[in-house]
Amino acid sequence: MAKSHGSKSHGSKGSKVWSAMSLVSALGAATVARKALDKVWQAGTGRKPPANPADPDVAMWEAVAWSVITGASVAVARMFAQRRAASYYVKSTGQLPPQLAKDDQ
């Protein structure tokens, strides 16, 4: 992968911009995914999702299902949002964000 020959301060600025873009996109995606999952869970089960799956009063199947569904869905939503943010960053700067490297696949 070709390295950028920009000044060190430009790289630092780009790093801060990417960090902010990445954080905002990840938090937004996680929030949207969680709200959507809450509605889907309620529609499917007729109950609100467990507020705390570790609570012993929550049925084990419900705690495990909610944890798995939430974890996977939020992770996928964050990944998609960060990929879109990275794509926008590349279009804006002409290079990948400093923290990302090309996958050799």
Protein backbone atom coordinates (compact mmCIF):
# COMPACT_ATOMS: atom_id res chain seq x y z
CA MET A 1 0.00 0.00 0.00
CA ALA A 2 1.37 3.40 -0.93
CA LYS A 3 1.94 5.70 1.97
CA SER A 4 0.89 9.32 2.02
CA HIS A 5 3.75 11.81 1.97
CA GLY A 6 1.77 14.60 3.64
CA SER A 7 3.05 16.55 6.59
CA LYS A 8 2.83 15.06 10.04
CA SER A 9 0.33 17.70 11.18
CA HIS A 10 -1.96 16.85 8.25
CA GLY A 11 -1.88 13.18 9.29
CA SER A 12 -2.70 14.13 12.85
CA LYS A 13 -5.62 16.26 11.69
CA GLY A 14 -6.83 13.45 9.44
CA SER A 15 -6.55 11.03 12.33
CA LYS A 16 -8.67 13.27 14.54
CA VAL A 17 -11.25 13.79 11.80
CA TRP A 18 -11.48 10.05 11.19
CA SER A 19 -11.74 9.33 14.91
CA ALA A 20 -14.66 11.75 15.20
CA MET A 21 -16.38 10.39 12.05
CA SER A 22 -15.92 6.82 13.20
CA LEU A 23 -17.23 7.51 16.69
CA VAL A 24 -20.29 9.45 15.53
CA SER A 25 -21.20 6.86 12.88
CA ALA A 26 -20.76 3.96 15.32
CA LEU A 27 -22.83 5.59 18.06
CA GLY A 28 -25.56 6.58 15.62
CA ALA A 29 -25.74 3.10 14.13
CA ALA A 30 -25.83 1.45 17.54
CA THR A 31 -28.65 3.74 18.67
CA VAL A 32 -30.73 3.16 15.54
CA ALA A 33 -30.15 -0.61 15.67
CA ARG A 34 -31.12 -0.79 19.32
CA LYS A 35 -34.34 1.17 18.79
CA ALA A 36 -35.28 -1.02 15.84
CA LEU A 37 -34.53 -4.18 17.82
CA ASP A 38 -36.67 -2.98 20.72
CA LYS A 39 -39.65 -2.62 18.36
CA VAL A 40 -39.03 -5.95 16.64
CA TRP A 41 -38.66 -7.74 19.98
CA GLN A 42 -41.87 -6.23 21.30
CA ALA A 43 -43.76 -7.11 18.11
CA GLY A 44 -42.44 -10.67 18.16
CA THR A 45 -42.83 -11.48 21.84
CA GLY A 46 -45.54 -9.09 22.95
CA ARG A 47 -43.22 -7.91 25.76
CA LYS A 48 -40.63 -5.21 26.17
CA PRO A 49 -37.05 -6.44 25.79
CA PRO A 50 -35.24 -7.21 29.04
CA ALA A 51 -33.67 -4.09 30.53
CA ASN A 52 -31.00 -6.22 32.18
CA PRO A 53 -30.53 -9.73 30.78
CA ALA A 54 -28.40 -10.64 33.82
CA ASP A 55 -31.41 -10.18 36.11
CA PRO A 56 -32.32 -13.62 37.57
CA ASP A 57 -36.02 -12.81 37.05
CA VAL A 58 -35.50 -12.77 33.27
CA ALA A 59 -35.97 -16.22 31.72
CA MET A 60 -32.67 -17.73 30.55
CA TRP A 61 -33.88 -18.22 26.96
CA GLU A 62 -34.99 -14.59 26.84
CA ALA A 63 -31.72 -13.28 28.29
CA VAL A 64 -29.60 -15.33 25.89
CA ALA A 65 -31.74 -14.53 22.85
CA TRP A 66 -31.79 -10.81 23.61
CA SER A 67 -28.02 -10.71 24.23
CA VAL A 68 -27.18 -12.59 21.03
CA ILE A 69 -29.59 -10.63 18.84
CA THR A 70 -28.55 -7.28 20.27
CA GLY A 71 -24.83 -7.95 20.16
CA ALA A 72 -24.81 -9.23 16.59
CA SER A 73 -27.18 -6.59 15.24
CA VAL A 74 -25.39 -3.66 16.85
CA ALA A 75 -22.00 -4.95 15.68
CA VAL A 76 -23.21 -5.32 12.08
CA ALA A 77 -24.88 -1.88 12.12
CA ARG A 78 -21.67 -0.29 13.45
CA MET A 79 -19.59 -2.06 10.80
CA PHE A 80 -21.84 -0.82 7.98
CA ALA A 81 -21.82 2.73 9.36
CA GLN A 82 -18.05 2.78 9.74
CA ARG A 83 -17.58 1.42 6.23
CA ARG A 84 -19.77 4.21 4.87
CA ALA A 85 -17.82 6.75 6.91
CA ALA A 86 -14.54 5.33 5.59
CA SER A 87 -15.86 5.51 2.03
CA TYR A 88 -16.81 9.15 2.54
CA TYR A 89 -13.38 9.84 4.08
CA VAL A 90 -11.65 8.30 1.04
CA LYS A 91 -13.77 10.37 -1.34
CA SER A 92 -12.94 13.51 0.63
CA THR A 93 -9.21 12.96 1.16
CA GLY A 94 -8.17 10.48 -1.51
CA GLN A 95 -6.79 7.99 1.02
CA LEU A 96 -7.91 5.59 3.70
CA PRO A 97 -8.24 6.84 7.25
CA PRO A 98 -4.93 6.53 9.14
CA GLN A 99 -6.24 3.77 11.43
CA LEU A 100 -7.41 1.56 8.56
CA ALA A 101 -5.25 -0.61 6.40
CA LYS A 102 -6.13 -2.45 3.23
CA ASP A 103 -7.13 -6.04 3.80
CA ASP A 104 -4.91 -8.28 1.70
CA GLN A 105 -7.80 -10.51 0.62
